[in-house]
PDB file of N, CA and C in Angstrom:
ATOM      1  N   MET A   1     -23.222   4.879  36.228  1.00  0.00           N
ATOM      2  CA  MET A   1     -23.801   5.378  35.000  1.00  0.00           C
ATOM      3  C   MET A   1     -22.700   5.878  34.079  1.00  0.00           C
ATOM      4  N   GLY A   2     -22.883   5.612  32.804  1.00  0.00           N
ATOM      5  CA  GLY A   2     -21.921   6.080  31.822  1.00  0.00           C
ATOM      6  C   GLY A   2     -22.178   7.513  31.415  1.00  0.00           C
ATOM      7  N   ALA A   3     -21.301   8.045  30.623  1.00  0.00           N
ATOM      8  CA  ALA A   3     -21.438   9.416  30.153  1.00  0.00           C
ATOM      9  C   ALA A   3     -22.545   9.494  29.109  1.00  0.00           C
ATOM     10  N   HIS A   4     -23.318  10.565  29.153  1.00  0.00           N
ATOM     11  CA  HIS A   4     -24.383  10.787  28.190  1.00  0.00           C
ATOM     12  C   HIS A   4     -24.173  12.145  27.538  1.00  0.00           C
ATOM     13  N   PRO A   5     -24.461  12.252  26.239  1.00  0.00           N
ATOM     14  CA  PRO A   5     -24.296  13.545  25.585  1.00  0.00           C
ATOM     15  C   PRO A   5     -25.339  14.549  26.085  1.00  0.00           C
ATOM     16  N   LYS A   6     -24.907  15.789  26.234  1.00  0.00           N
ATOM     17  CA  LYS A   6     -25.834  16.826  26.699  1.00  0.00           C
ATOM     18  C   LYS A   6     -26.675  17.366  25.556  1.00  0.00           C
ATOM     19  N   GLN A   7     -26.114  17.334  24.329  1.00  0.00           N
ATOM     20  CA  GLN A   7     -26.871  17.812  23.164  1.00  0.00           C
ATOM     21  C   GLN A   7     -26.643  16.860  22.003  1.00  0.00           C
ATOM     22  N   LYS A   8     -27.585  16.901  21.061  1.00  0.00           N
ATOM     23  CA  LYS A   8     -27.460  16.070  19.870  1.00  0.00           C
ATOM     24  C   LYS A   8     -26.355  16.623  18.974  1.00  0.00           C
ATOM     25  N   ILE A   9     -25.566  15.712  18.392  1.00  0.00           N
ATOM     26  CA  ILE A   9     -24.564  16.095  17.391  1.00  0.00           C
ATOM     27  C   ILE A   9     -25.262  16.066  16.042  1.00  0.00           C
ATOM     28  N   SER A  10     -25.270  17.179  15.330  1.00  0.00           N
ATOM     29  CA  SER A  10     -25.969  17.248  14.052  1.00  0.00           C
ATOM     30  C   SER A  10     -25.282  16.362  13.013  1.00  0.00           C
ATOM     31  N   ASN A  11     -26.045  16.025  11.974  1.00  0.00           N
ATOM     32  CA  ASN A  11     -25.509  15.165  10.924  1.00  0.00           C
ATOM     33  C   ASN A  11     -24.305  15.791  10.241  1.00  0.00           C
ATOM     34  N   SER A  12     -24.346  17.099  10.003  1.00  0.00           N
ATOM     35  CA  SER A  12     -23.236  17.747   9.311  1.00  0.00           C
ATOM     36  C   SER A  12     -21.991  17.797  10.194  1.00  0.00           C
ATOM     37  N   ARG A  13     -22.148  18.020  11.486  1.00  0.00           N
ATOM     38  CA  ARG A  13     -20.995  18.049  12.387  1.00  0.00           C
ATOM     39  C   ARG A  13     -20.385  16.651  12.503  1.00  0.00           C
ATOM     40  N   ARG A  14     -21.227  15.653  12.596  1.00  0.00           N
ATOM     41  CA  ARG A  14     -20.736  14.272  12.656  1.00  0.00           C
ATOM     42  C   ARG A  14     -20.021  13.903  11.359  1.00  0.00           C
ATOM     43  N   GLY A  15     -20.610  14.301  10.219  1.00  0.00           N
ATOM     44  CA  GLY A  15     -20.001  14.011   8.926  1.00  0.00           C
ATOM     45  C   GLY A  15     -18.683  14.736   8.732  1.00  0.00           C
ATOM     46  N   SER A  16     -18.581  15.971   9.217  1.00  0.00           N
ATOM     47  CA  SER A  16     -17.327  16.725   9.107  1.00  0.00           C
ATOM     48  C   SER A  16     -16.219  16.047   9.900  1.00  0.00           C
ATOM     49  N   ARG A  17     -16.553  15.502  11.041  1.00  0.00           N
ATOM     50  CA  ARG A  17     -15.561  14.806  11.857  1.00  0.00           C
ATOM     51  C   ARG A  17     -15.085  13.537  11.163  1.00  0.00           C
ATOM     52  N   ARG A  18     -15.978  12.863  10.473  1.00  0.00           N
ATOM     53  CA  ARG A  18     -15.636  11.599   9.823  1.00  0.00           C
ATOM     54  C   ARG A  18     -15.107  11.775   8.400  1.00  0.00           C
ATOM     55  N   ALA A  19     -14.974  12.994   7.929  1.00  0.00           N
ATOM     56  CA  ALA A  19     -14.580  13.245   6.543  1.00  0.00           C
ATOM     57  C   ALA A  19     -13.185  12.715   6.227  1.00  0.00           C
ATOM     58  N   HIS A  20     -12.318  12.589   7.222  1.00  0.00           N
ATOM     59  CA  HIS A  20     -10.944  12.181   6.987  1.00  0.00           C
ATOM     60  C   HIS A  20     -10.734  10.689   7.215  1.00  0.00           C
ATOM     61  N   GLN A  21     -11.786   9.936   7.446  1.00  0.00           N
ATOM     62  CA  GLN A  21     -11.640   8.520   7.759  1.00  0.00           C
ATOM     63  C   GLN A  21     -11.811   7.610   6.547  1.00  0.00           C
ATOM     64  N   ALA A  22     -11.974   8.184   5.365  1.00  0.00           N
ATOM     65  CA  ALA A  22     -12.207   7.373   4.171  1.00  0.00           C
ATOM     66  C   ALA A  22     -10.955   6.575   3.821  1.00  0.00           C
ATOM     67  N   LEU A  23     -11.134   5.352   3.341  1.00  0.00           N
ATOM     68  CA  LEU A  23     -10.019   4.521   2.912  1.00  0.00           C
ATOM     69  C   LEU A  23      -9.600   4.916   1.509  1.00  0.00           C
ATOM     70  N   THR A  24      -8.307   4.825   1.227  1.00  0.00           N
ATOM     71  CA  THR A  24      -7.803   5.133  -0.108  1.00  0.00           C
ATOM     72  C   THR A  24      -7.257   3.855  -0.730  1.00  0.00           C
ATOM     73  N   ALA A  25      -7.310   3.790  -2.038  1.00  0.00           N
ATOM     74  CA  ALA A  25      -6.811   2.621  -2.754  1.00  0.00           C
ATOM     75  C   ALA A  25      -5.288   2.608  -2.716  1.00  0.00           C
ATOM     76  N   ARG A  26      -4.691   1.412  -2.733  1.00  0.00           N
ATOM     77  CA  ARG A  26      -3.241   1.298  -2.728  1.00  0.00           C
ATOM     78  C   ARG A  26      -2.670   1.828  -4.030  1.00  0.00           C
ATOM     79  N   GLN A  27      -1.516   2.454  -3.943  1.00  0.00           N
ATOM     80  CA  GLN A  27      -0.841   2.998  -5.112  1.00  0.00           C
ATOM     81  C   GLN A  27       0.126   1.952  -5.656  1.00  0.00           C
ATOM     82  N   PHE A  28       0.079   1.734  -6.957  1.00  0.00           N
ATOM     83  CA  PHE A  28       0.959   0.771  -7.604  1.00  0.00           C
ATOM     84  C   PHE A  28       1.829   1.492  -8.619  1.00  0.00           C
ATOM     85  N   SER A  29       3.016   0.958  -8.831  1.00  0.00           N
ATOM     86  CA  SER A  29       3.904   1.471  -9.863  1.00  0.00           C
ATOM     87  C   SER A  29       4.486   0.278 -10.606  1.00  0.00           C
ATOM     88  N   ARG A  30       5.108   0.550 -11.737  1.00  0.00           N
ATOM     89  CA  ARG A  30       5.704  -0.511 -12.545  1.00  0.00           C
ATOM     90  C   ARG A  30       7.133  -0.767 -12.093  1.00  0.00           C
ATOM     91  N   CYS A  31       7.493  -2.030 -11.992  1.00  0.00           N
ATOM     92  CA  CYS A  31       8.861  -2.405 -11.685  1.00  0.00           C
ATOM     93  C   CYS A  31       9.721  -2.075 -12.908  1.00  0.00           C
ATOM     94  N   PRO A  32      10.835  -1.360 -12.748  1.00  0.00           N
ATOM     95  CA  PRO A  32      11.648  -1.002 -13.911  1.00  0.00           C
ATOM     96  C   PRO A  32      12.311  -2.205 -14.567  1.00  0.00           C
ATOM     97  N   THR A  33      12.470  -3.303 -13.855  1.00  0.00           N
ATOM     98  CA  THR A  33      13.135  -4.473 -14.414  1.00  0.00           C
ATOM     99  C   THR A  33      12.174  -5.378 -15.178  1.00  0.00           C
ATOM    100  N   CYS A  34      11.084  -5.790 -14.512  1.00  0.00           N
ATOM    101  CA  CYS A  34      10.186  -6.780 -15.124  1.00  0.00           C
ATOM    102  C   CYS A  34       8.852  -6.185 -15.558  1.00  0.00           C
ATOM    103  N   ARG A  35       8.615  -4.901 -15.279  1.00  0.00           N
ATOM    104  CA  ARG A  35       7.412  -4.171 -15.699  1.00  0.00           C
ATOM    105  C   ARG A  35       6.127  -4.703 -15.074  1.00  0.00           C
ATOM    106  N   SER A  36       6.197  -5.432 -13.968  1.00  0.00           N
ATOM    107  CA  SER A  36       4.983  -5.890 -13.293  1.00  0.00           C
ATOM    108  C   SER A  36       4.528  -4.834 -12.290  1.00  0.00           C
ATOM    109  N   LEU A  37       3.240  -4.851 -11.938  1.00  0.00           N
ATOM    110  CA  LEU A  37       2.713  -3.886 -10.984  1.00  0.00           C
ATOM    111  C   LEU A  37       3.144  -4.271  -9.570  1.00  0.00           C
ATOM    112  N   VAL A  38       3.687  -3.284  -8.843  1.00  0.00           N
ATOM    113  CA  VAL A  38       4.215  -3.508  -7.503  1.00  0.00           C
ATOM    114  C   VAL A  38       3.700  -2.390  -6.605  1.00  0.00           C
ATOM    115  N   PRO A  39       3.285  -2.694  -5.364  1.00  0.00           N
ATOM    116  CA  PRO A  39       2.940  -1.614  -4.441  1.00  0.00           C
ATOM    117  C   PRO A  39       4.158  -0.714  -4.232  1.00  0.00           C
ATOM    118  N   GLN A  40       3.927   0.581  -4.106  1.00  0.00           N
ATOM    119  CA  GLN A  40       5.034   1.518  -3.984  1.00  0.00           C
ATOM    120  C   GLN A  40       5.841   1.248  -2.721  1.00  0.00           C
ATOM    121  N   HIS A  41       7.155   1.448  -2.814  1.00  0.00           N
ATOM    122  CA  HIS A  41       8.104   1.286  -1.720  1.00  0.00           C
ATOM    123  C   HIS A  41       8.130  -0.147  -1.192  1.00  0.00           C
ATOM    124  N   ARG A  42       7.954  -1.108  -2.072  1.00  0.00           N
ATOM    125  CA  ARG A  42       8.021  -2.521  -1.706  1.00  0.00           C
ATOM    126  C   ARG A  42       8.941  -3.244  -2.682  1.00  0.00           C
ATOM    127  N   VAL A  43       9.519  -4.354  -2.232  1.00  0.00           N
ATOM    128  CA  VAL A  43      10.331  -5.189  -3.106  1.00  0.00           C
ATOM    129  C   VAL A  43       9.409  -5.893  -4.091  1.00  0.00           C
ATOM    130  N   CYS A  44       9.835  -5.960  -5.352  1.00  0.00           N
ATOM    131  CA  CYS A  44       9.033  -6.618  -6.385  1.00  0.00           C
ATOM    132  C   CYS A  44       8.966  -8.113  -6.088  1.00  0.00           C
ATOM    133  N   PRO A  45       7.760  -8.687  -5.963  1.00  0.00           N
ATOM    134  CA  PRO A  45       7.666 -10.126  -5.666  1.00  0.00           C
ATOM    135  C   PRO A  45       8.037 -10.999  -6.860  1.00  0.00           C
ATOM    136  N   VAL A  46       8.045 -10.443  -8.077  1.00  0.00           N
ATOM    137  CA  VAL A  46       8.343 -11.243  -9.265  1.00  0.00           C
ATOM    138  C   VAL A  46       9.849 -11.387  -9.457  1.00  0.00           C
ATOM    139  N   CYS A  47      10.575 -10.254  -9.484  1.00  0.00           N
ATOM    140  CA  CYS A  47      12.011 -10.322  -9.748  1.00  0.00           C
ATOM    141  C   CYS A  47      12.863 -10.110  -8.504  1.00  0.00           C
ATOM    142  N   GLY A  48      12.279  -9.626  -7.409  1.00  0.00           N
ATOM    143  CA  GLY A  48      13.010  -9.476  -6.154  1.00  0.00           C
ATOM    144  C   GLY A  48      13.913  -8.259  -6.085  1.00  0.00           C
ATOM    145  N   GLU A  49      13.681  -7.270  -6.943  1.00  0.00           N
ATOM    146  CA  GLU A  49      14.534  -6.088  -6.950  1.00  0.00           C
ATOM    147  C   GLU A  49      13.821  -4.895  -6.343  1.00  0.00           C
ATOM    148  N   TYR A  50      14.626  -3.988  -5.767  1.00  0.00           N
ATOM    149  CA  TYR A  50      14.112  -2.728  -5.236  1.00  0.00           C
ATOM    150  C   TYR A  50      15.201  -1.682  -5.428  1.00  0.00           C
ATOM    151  N   GLY A  51      14.878  -0.617  -6.124  1.00  0.00           N
ATOM    152  CA  GLY A  51      15.845   0.449  -6.356  1.00  0.00           C
ATOM    153  C   GLY A  51      17.029   0.016  -7.193  1.00  0.00           C
ATOM    154  N   GLY A  52      16.829  -0.937  -8.100  1.00  0.00           N
ATOM    155  CA  GLY A  52      17.906  -1.401  -8.964  1.00  0.00           C
ATOM    156  C   GLY A  52      18.818  -2.434  -8.338  1.00  0.00           C
ATOM    157  N   GLU A  53      18.571  -2.822  -7.097  1.00  0.00           N
ATOM    158  CA  GLU A  53      19.387  -3.829  -6.429  1.00  0.00           C
ATOM    159  C   GLU A  53      18.563  -5.087  -6.184  1.00  0.00           C
ATOM    160  N   GLU A  54      19.213  -6.238  -6.275  1.00  0.00           N
ATOM    161  CA  GLU A  54      18.526  -7.504  -6.017  1.00  0.00           C
ATOM    162  C   GLU A  54      18.461  -7.713  -4.502  1.00  0.00           C
ATOM    163  N   ILE A  55      17.255  -7.730  -3.969  1.00  0.00           N
ATOM    164  CA  ILE A  55      17.044  -7.871  -2.528  1.00  0.00           C
ATOM    165  C   ILE A  55      16.670  -9.307  -2.190  1.00  0.00           C
ATOM    166  N   LEU A  56      15.697  -9.846  -2.910  1.00  0.00           N
ATOM    167  CA  LEU A  56      15.246 -11.218  -2.707  1.00  0.00           C
ATOM    168  C   LEU A  56      15.758 -12.090  -3.847  1.00  0.00           C
ATOM    169  N   VAL A  57      16.159 -13.293  -3.531  1.00  0.00           N
ATOM    170  CA  VAL A  57      16.547 -14.236  -4.572  1.00  0.00           C
ATOM    171  C   VAL A  57      15.329 -15.096  -4.870  1.00  0.00           C
ATOM    172  N   THR A  58      14.678 -14.817  -5.987  1.00  0.00           N
ATOM    173  CA  THR A  58      13.505 -15.585  -6.392  1.00  0.00           C
ATOM    174  C   THR A  58      13.930 -16.662  -7.383  1.00  0.00           C
ATOM    175  N   GLU A  59      13.040 -17.603  -7.673  1.00  0.00           N
ATOM    176  CA  GLU A  59      13.351 -18.662  -8.637  1.00  0.00           C
ATOM    177  C   GLU A  59      13.651 -18.073  -9.997  1.00  0.00           C
ATOM    178  N   GLU A  60      12.863 -17.080 -10.390  1.00  0.00           N
ATOM    179  CA  GLU A  60      13.056 -16.452 -11.701  1.00  0.00           C
ATOM    180  C   GLU A  60      14.412 -15.762 -11.773  1.00  0.00           C
ATOM    181  N   ALA A  61      14.802 -15.082 -10.694  1.00  0.00           N
ATOM    182  CA  ALA A  61      16.073 -14.379 -10.654  1.00  0.00           C
ATOM    183  C   ALA A  61      17.222 -15.384 -10.649  1.00  0.00           C
ATOM    184  N   ALA A  62      17.055 -16.497  -9.955  1.00  0.00           N
ATOM    185  CA  ALA A  62      18.104 -17.517  -9.895  1.00  0.00           C
ATOM    186  C   ALA A  62      18.320 -18.140 -11.264  1.00  0.00           C
ATOM    187  N   VAL A  63      17.241 -18.373 -11.994  1.00  0.00           N
ATOM    188  CA  VAL A  63      17.361 -18.949 -13.344  1.00  0.00           C
ATOM    189  C   VAL A  63      18.056 -17.952 -14.262  1.00  0.00           C
ATOM    190  N   ARG A  64      17.717 -16.669 -14.152  1.00  0.00           N
ATOM    191  CA  ARG A  64      18.340 -15.641 -14.972  1.00  0.00           C
ATOM    192  C   ARG A  64      19.836 -15.518 -14.670  1.00  0.00           C
ATOM    193  N   LYS A  65      20.207 -15.654 -13.395  1.00  0.00           N
ATOM    194  CA  LYS A  65      21.573 -15.464 -12.955  1.00  0.00           C
ATOM    195  C   LYS A  65      22.492 -16.567 -13.475  1.00  0.00           C
ATOM    196  N   TYR A  66      22.006 -17.806 -13.506  1.00  0.00           N
ATOM    197  CA  TYR A  66      22.845 -18.936 -13.869  1.00  0.00           C
ATOM    198  C   TYR A  66      22.714 -19.338 -15.334  1.00  0.00           C
ATOM    199  N   ARG A  67      22.142 -18.514 -16.170  1.00  0.00           N
ATOM    200  CA  ARG A  67      22.054 -18.824 -17.610  1.00  0.00           C
ATOM    201  C   ARG A  67      23.283 -18.373 -18.323  1.00  0.00           C
TER     202      ARG A  67
END
């Protein structure tokens, strides 16, 4: 036999326990180079920069570099 509760958990007690389980929306910021929306603390997928340094070599960045 499995475990069974000895008493009912009230709605408010159950809700208080679950109060911290809500999902939050992702935070976005503007890339200082290309001004596109980027998730915070991530490399920009458009220009490939993070913190003012080029991390990823994207097609757009390669075209800019060799002009």
